[in-house]
């Protein structure tokens, strides 16, 4: 198992009423795309949250949260949350809400096709 299936089910349940949800296996884990934009994911047993970069410094002060450095390079706007930081439903919902809130503002990285003439 490359990622925590229980956490995946928990995220699926939280996102079930969102339109246009897709799951993609990437980065050795699972990513949930909302409106063609990376929103939240799982790497091993941690939840990866894409949040507003302006809120990043506040977020990493929360218990169990750290800056994502998957490529050995810190990525502002991406945080990893350990189980201790999302143990309760209230804590878990907090992170999902941050992800969804930023998703509505985030730009899609979906490539547009260019018509050739």
N, C-alpha and C. Protein backbone atom coordinates (compact mmCIF):
# COMPACT_ATOMS: atom_id res chain seq x y z
N UNK A 1 0.85 -1.17 0.00
CA UNK A 1 0.00 0.00 0.00
C UNK A 1 0.89 1.24 0.00
N UNK A 2 0.80 2.04 -1.03
CA UNK A 2 1.63 3.24 -1.16
C UNK A 2 1.08 4.41 -0.36
N UNK A 3 -0.23 4.37 -0.06
CA UNK A 3 -0.83 5.45 0.71
C UNK A 3 -1.92 4.89 1.61
N UNK A 4 -2.30 5.65 2.60
CA UNK A 4 -3.26 5.24 3.62
C UNK A 4 -4.67 5.19 3.02
N UNK A 5 -5.19 3.98 2.83
CA UNK A 5 -6.52 3.80 2.24
C UNK A 5 -7.63 4.36 3.13
N UNK A 6 -7.45 4.26 4.45
CA UNK A 6 -8.44 4.81 5.37
C UNK A 6 -8.55 6.33 5.23
N UNK A 7 -7.41 6.98 5.08
CA UNK A 7 -7.39 8.43 4.87
C UNK A 7 -8.02 8.78 3.53
N UNK A 8 -7.75 7.95 2.52
CA UNK A 8 -8.36 8.18 1.21
C UNK A 8 -9.88 8.13 1.31
N UNK A 9 -10.41 7.16 2.03
CA UNK A 9 -11.86 7.05 2.21
C UNK A 9 -12.41 8.26 2.97
N UNK A 10 -11.67 8.71 3.95
CA UNK A 10 -12.09 9.88 4.72
C UNK A 10 -12.16 11.13 3.83
N UNK A 11 -11.20 11.30 2.95
CA UNK A 11 -11.19 12.43 2.03
C UNK A 11 -12.32 12.29 1.01
N UNK A 12 -12.51 11.08 0.48
CA UNK A 12 -13.61 10.85 -0.47
C UNK A 12 -14.95 11.27 0.13
N UNK A 13 -15.16 10.87 1.38
CA UNK A 13 -16.41 11.21 2.06
C UNK A 13 -16.55 12.73 2.21
N UNK A 14 -15.47 13.40 2.55
CA UNK A 14 -15.51 14.86 2.73
C UNK A 14 -15.77 15.60 1.42
N UNK A 15 -15.32 15.02 0.31
CA UNK A 15 -15.46 15.68 -1.00
C UNK A 15 -16.66 15.20 -1.80
N UNK A 16 -17.44 14.28 -1.27
CA UNK A 16 -18.46 13.62 -2.06
C UNK A 16 -19.48 14.57 -2.70
N UNK A 17 -19.71 15.72 -2.12
CA UNK A 17 -20.71 16.64 -2.69
C UNK A 17 -20.10 17.74 -3.54
N UNK A 18 -18.79 17.67 -3.74
CA UNK A 18 -18.12 18.64 -4.61
C UNK A 18 -18.29 18.21 -6.07
N UNK A 19 -18.52 19.16 -6.96
CA UNK A 19 -18.60 18.79 -8.37
C UNK A 19 -17.22 18.55 -8.96
N UNK A 20 -17.15 17.74 -9.97
CA UNK A 20 -15.94 17.52 -10.75
C UNK A 20 -14.73 17.10 -9.91
N UNK A 21 -14.86 15.95 -9.25
CA UNK A 21 -13.77 15.36 -8.47
C UNK A 21 -13.12 14.24 -9.28
N UNK A 22 -11.81 14.26 -9.34
CA UNK A 22 -11.07 13.18 -10.00
C UNK A 22 -9.95 12.75 -9.07
N UNK A 23 -9.65 11.48 -9.10
CA UNK A 23 -8.53 10.95 -8.33
C UNK A 23 -7.42 10.58 -9.29
N UNK A 24 -6.20 10.96 -8.92
CA UNK A 24 -5.03 10.63 -9.74
C UNK A 24 -3.94 10.09 -8.84
N UNK A 25 -3.34 9.00 -9.25
CA UNK A 25 -2.18 8.50 -8.53
C UNK A 25 -0.97 9.27 -9.05
N UNK A 26 -0.30 9.93 -8.12
CA UNK A 26 0.90 10.68 -8.47
C UNK A 26 1.75 10.89 -7.22
N UNK A 27 3.00 11.17 -7.40
CA UNK A 27 3.96 11.41 -6.32
C UNK A 27 4.00 10.23 -5.35
N UNK A 28 3.73 9.04 -5.83
CA UNK A 28 3.76 7.87 -4.97
C UNK A 28 2.56 7.79 -4.04
N UNK A 29 1.57 8.60 -4.30
CA UNK A 29 0.37 8.62 -3.47
C UNK A 29 -0.86 8.84 -4.30
N UNK A 30 -1.84 9.50 -3.72
CA UNK A 30 -3.12 9.74 -4.37
C UNK A 30 -3.45 11.21 -4.25
N UNK A 31 -3.86 11.83 -5.35
CA UNK A 31 -4.23 13.23 -5.37
C UNK A 31 -5.68 13.36 -5.79
N UNK A 32 -6.40 14.25 -5.11
CA UNK A 32 -7.78 14.54 -5.45
C UNK A 32 -7.81 15.89 -6.17
N UNK A 33 -8.28 15.85 -7.40
CA UNK A 33 -8.39 17.04 -8.22
C UNK A 33 -9.84 17.55 -8.10
N UNK A 34 -10.00 18.83 -7.87
CA UNK A 34 -11.32 19.47 -7.82
C UNK A 34 -11.31 20.54 -8.91
N UNK A 35 -12.24 20.43 -9.83
CA UNK A 35 -12.31 21.36 -10.97
C UNK A 35 -10.99 21.43 -11.73
N UNK A 36 -10.39 20.27 -11.96
CA UNK A 36 -9.13 20.13 -12.69
C UNK A 36 -7.94 20.81 -12.02
N UNK A 37 -8.04 21.02 -10.70
CA UNK A 37 -6.95 21.63 -9.94
C UNK A 37 -6.60 20.74 -8.76
N UNK A 38 -5.30 20.55 -8.52
CA UNK A 38 -4.87 19.76 -7.37
C UNK A 38 -5.41 20.43 -6.11
N UNK A 39 -6.07 19.64 -5.26
CA UNK A 39 -6.70 20.18 -4.06
C UNK A 39 -6.12 19.58 -2.79
N UNK A 40 -6.16 18.26 -2.69
CA UNK A 40 -5.72 17.56 -1.49
C UNK A 40 -5.22 16.19 -1.90
N UNK A 41 -4.35 15.61 -1.13
CA UNK A 41 -3.83 14.30 -1.49
C UNK A 41 -3.27 13.56 -0.30
N UNK A 42 -2.70 12.42 -0.60
CA UNK A 42 -2.12 11.57 0.44
C UNK A 42 -0.76 11.08 -0.06
N UNK A 43 0.21 11.21 0.80
CA UNK A 43 1.52 10.61 0.56
C UNK A 43 1.82 9.78 1.81
N UNK A 44 1.87 8.48 1.63
CA UNK A 44 2.02 7.52 2.74
C UNK A 44 0.88 7.70 3.72
N UNK A 45 1.15 8.18 4.94
CA UNK A 45 0.10 8.36 5.95
C UNK A 45 -0.22 9.82 6.21
N UNK A 46 0.31 10.71 5.39
CA UNK A 46 0.09 12.13 5.61
C UNK A 46 -0.84 12.72 4.54
N UNK A 47 -1.59 13.73 4.96
CA UNK A 47 -2.46 14.44 4.02
C UNK A 47 -1.70 15.64 3.48
N UNK A 48 -1.67 15.76 2.16
CA UNK A 48 -1.05 16.88 1.49
C UNK A 48 -2.17 17.88 1.19
N UNK A 49 -2.02 19.11 1.66
CA UNK A 49 -3.03 20.13 1.47
C UNK A 49 -2.47 21.27 0.63
N UNK A 50 -3.20 21.63 -0.40
CA UNK A 50 -2.84 22.81 -1.19
C UNK A 50 -3.67 23.96 -0.63
N UNK A 51 -2.98 24.93 -0.05
CA UNK A 51 -3.65 26.03 0.64
C UNK A 51 -3.17 27.37 0.08
N UNK A 52 -3.83 28.42 0.49
CA UNK A 52 -3.44 29.76 0.08
C UNK A 52 -2.01 30.03 0.56
N UNK A 53 -1.10 30.35 -0.34
CA UNK A 53 0.28 30.62 0.07
C UNK A 53 0.39 31.74 1.11
N UNK A 54 -0.55 32.68 1.08
CA UNK A 54 -0.55 33.77 2.06
C UNK A 54 -0.86 33.29 3.47
N UNK A 55 -1.43 32.11 3.60
CA UNK A 55 -1.80 31.54 4.90
C UNK A 55 -0.79 30.49 5.36
N UNK A 56 0.21 30.23 4.55
CA UNK A 56 1.16 29.15 4.78
C UNK A 56 1.84 29.23 6.16
N UNK A 57 2.38 30.38 6.51
CA UNK A 57 3.12 30.51 7.76
C UNK A 57 2.23 30.24 8.97
N UNK A 58 0.98 30.65 8.91
CA UNK A 58 0.03 30.40 9.99
C UNK A 58 -0.28 28.90 10.07
N UNK A 59 -0.46 28.28 8.91
CA UNK A 59 -0.81 26.86 8.87
C UNK A 59 0.27 25.97 9.49
N UNK A 60 1.52 26.27 9.21
CA UNK A 60 2.58 25.38 9.71
C UNK A 60 2.81 25.52 11.21
N UNK A 61 2.15 26.45 11.84
CA UNK A 61 2.20 26.55 13.30
C UNK A 61 1.24 25.57 13.97
N UNK A 62 0.31 24.99 13.20
CA UNK A 62 -0.65 24.03 13.74
C UNK A 62 0.03 22.70 14.04
N UNK A 63 -0.46 22.02 15.04
CA UNK A 63 0.07 20.72 15.44
C UNK A 63 0.03 19.74 14.26
N UNK A 64 1.14 19.07 14.03
CA UNK A 64 1.21 18.03 13.01
C UNK A 64 1.36 18.53 11.59
N UNK A 65 1.55 19.83 11.40
CA UNK A 65 1.64 20.40 10.06
C UNK A 65 3.08 20.87 9.79
N UNK A 66 3.51 20.63 8.56
CA UNK A 66 4.83 21.09 8.13
C UNK A 66 4.78 21.44 6.64
N UNK A 67 5.74 22.19 6.21
CA UNK A 67 5.85 22.55 4.79
C UNK A 67 6.17 21.31 3.96
N UNK A 68 5.50 21.17 2.86
CA UNK A 68 5.78 20.04 1.96
C UNK A 68 7.14 20.28 1.32
N UNK A 69 7.99 19.26 1.36
CA UNK A 69 9.30 19.35 0.73
C UNK A 69 9.59 18.04 0.00
N UNK A 70 8.61 17.58 -0.71
CA UNK A 70 8.67 16.30 -1.40
C UNK A 70 9.88 16.21 -2.32
N UNK A 71 10.22 17.29 -2.96
CA UNK A 71 11.35 17.31 -3.90
C UNK A 71 12.62 17.85 -3.23
N UNK A 72 12.63 17.84 -1.89
CA UNK A 72 13.73 18.38 -1.08
C UNK A 72 13.81 19.90 -1.21
N UNK A 73 12.74 20.49 -1.76
CA UNK A 73 12.65 21.93 -1.88
C UNK A 73 11.31 22.35 -1.26
N UNK A 74 11.32 23.20 -0.23
CA UNK A 74 10.08 23.62 0.41
C UNK A 74 9.14 24.27 -0.61
N UNK A 75 7.86 23.93 -0.52
CA UNK A 75 6.88 24.45 -1.46
C UNK A 75 5.82 25.26 -0.71
N UNK A 76 5.89 26.57 -0.82
CA UNK A 76 4.93 27.44 -0.14
C UNK A 76 3.55 27.22 -0.75
N UNK A 77 2.56 27.06 0.12
CA UNK A 77 1.19 26.80 -0.34
C UNK A 77 0.84 25.32 -0.33
N UNK A 78 1.82 24.49 -0.01
CA UNK A 78 1.60 23.05 0.12
C UNK A 78 2.11 22.61 1.48
N UNK A 79 1.23 21.97 2.25
CA UNK A 79 1.62 21.49 3.57
C UNK A 79 1.27 20.02 3.73
N UNK A 80 1.99 19.37 4.61
CA UNK A 80 1.74 17.98 4.96
C UNK A 80 1.20 17.96 6.38
N UNK A 81 0.12 17.19 6.59
CA UNK A 81 -0.48 17.10 7.91
C UNK A 81 -0.43 15.65 8.37
N UNK A 82 0.21 15.43 9.52
CA UNK A 82 0.28 14.10 10.12
C UNK A 82 -1.04 13.79 10.82
N UNK A 83 -1.23 12.53 11.16
CA UNK A 83 -2.45 12.08 11.84
C UNK A 83 -2.76 12.91 13.08
N UNK A 84 -1.75 13.26 13.85
CA UNK A 84 -1.97 14.02 15.09
C UNK A 84 -2.63 15.39 14.82
N UNK A 85 -2.46 15.91 13.63
CA UNK A 85 -3.03 17.21 13.27
C UNK A 85 -4.41 17.13 12.65
N UNK A 86 -4.91 15.91 12.44
CA UNK A 86 -6.24 15.75 11.83
C UNK A 86 -6.98 14.59 12.49
N UNK A 87 -6.63 14.34 13.73
CA UNK A 87 -7.20 13.20 14.45
C UNK A 87 -8.71 13.34 14.65
N UNK A 88 -9.17 14.52 15.03
CA UNK A 88 -10.61 14.72 15.24
C UNK A 88 -11.27 15.13 13.93
N UNK A 89 -12.58 14.95 13.87
CA UNK A 89 -13.33 15.39 12.68
C UNK A 89 -13.19 16.89 12.49
N UNK A 90 -13.19 17.62 13.57
CA UNK A 90 -13.08 19.09 13.50
C UNK A 90 -11.74 19.50 12.88
N UNK A 91 -10.65 18.86 13.30
CA UNK A 91 -9.33 19.16 12.75
C UNK A 91 -9.26 18.77 11.28
N UNK A 92 -9.77 17.59 10.96
CA UNK A 92 -9.77 17.11 9.58
C UNK A 92 -10.56 18.07 8.69
N UNK A 93 -11.76 18.44 9.13
CA UNK A 93 -12.61 19.35 8.36
C UNK A 93 -11.95 20.71 8.15
N UNK A 94 -11.18 21.15 9.13
CA UNK A 94 -10.45 22.42 9.02
C UNK A 94 -9.53 22.39 7.80
N UNK A 95 -8.76 21.32 7.68
CA UNK A 95 -7.81 21.22 6.56
C UNK A 95 -8.52 21.09 5.23
N UNK A 96 -9.57 20.28 5.18
CA UNK A 96 -10.33 20.13 3.93
C UNK A 96 -10.92 21.48 3.52
N UNK A 97 -11.43 22.23 4.49
CA UNK A 97 -12.01 23.56 4.20
C UNK A 97 -10.95 24.50 3.62
N UNK A 98 -9.75 24.49 4.20
CA UNK A 98 -8.67 25.33 3.67
C UNK A 98 -8.35 24.96 2.22
N UNK A 99 -8.31 23.67 1.94
CA UNK A 99 -8.02 23.20 0.58
C UNK A 99 -9.09 23.66 -0.40
N UNK A 100 -10.35 23.47 -0.03
CA UNK A 100 -11.45 23.83 -0.92
C UNK A 100 -11.55 25.34 -1.10
N UNK A 101 -11.28 26.09 -0.04
CA UNK A 101 -11.33 27.54 -0.13
C UNK A 101 -10.29 28.05 -1.13
N UNK A 102 -9.08 27.52 -1.04
CA UNK A 102 -8.04 27.96 -1.98
C UNK A 102 -8.32 27.43 -3.38
N UNK A 103 -8.89 26.26 -3.49
CA UNK A 103 -9.16 25.67 -4.81
C UNK A 103 -10.03 26.60 -5.65
N UNK A 104 -10.96 27.28 -5.01
CA UNK A 104 -11.84 28.18 -5.77
C UNK A 104 -11.07 29.37 -6.35
N UNK A 105 -9.92 29.70 -5.78
CA UNK A 105 -9.09 30.82 -6.25
C UNK A 105 -7.92 30.37 -7.11
N UNK A 106 -7.52 29.13 -6.96
CA UNK A 106 -6.32 28.63 -7.65
C UNK A 106 -6.52 28.55 -9.15
N UNK A 107 -5.43 28.71 -9.86
CA UNK A 107 -5.48 28.57 -11.31
C UNK A 107 -5.23 27.12 -11.68
N UNK A 108 -5.91 26.69 -12.71
CA UNK A 108 -5.73 25.33 -13.19
C UNK A 108 -4.44 25.24 -13.98
N UNK A 109 -3.74 24.14 -13.82
CA UNK A 109 -2.53 23.93 -14.60
C UNK A 109 -2.83 23.09 -15.84
N UNK A 110 -4.13 22.88 -16.06
CA UNK A 110 -4.54 22.09 -17.22
C UNK A 110 -4.09 22.78 -18.50
N UNK A 111 -3.42 22.04 -19.33
CA UNK A 111 -2.91 22.61 -20.56
C UNK A 111 -4.04 22.75 -21.57
N UNK A 112 -4.02 23.89 -22.25
CA UNK A 112 -5.02 24.14 -23.27
C UNK A 112 -4.46 23.71 -24.61
N UNK A 113 -5.31 23.15 -25.41
CA UNK A 113 -4.87 22.73 -26.73
C UNK A 113 -4.94 23.92 -27.67
N UNK A 114 -3.94 24.03 -28.50
CA UNK A 114 -3.88 25.11 -29.47
C UNK A 114 -4.23 24.52 -30.84
N UNK A 115 -5.19 25.16 -31.45
CA UNK A 115 -5.57 24.70 -32.79
C UNK A 115 -4.50 25.09 -33.79
N UNK A 116 -4.15 24.13 -34.60
CA UNK A 116 -3.18 24.41 -35.64
C UNK A 116 -3.91 24.61 -36.94
N UNK A 117 -3.45 25.58 -37.69
CA UNK A 117 -4.09 25.86 -38.99
C UNK A 117 -3.22 25.48 -40.13
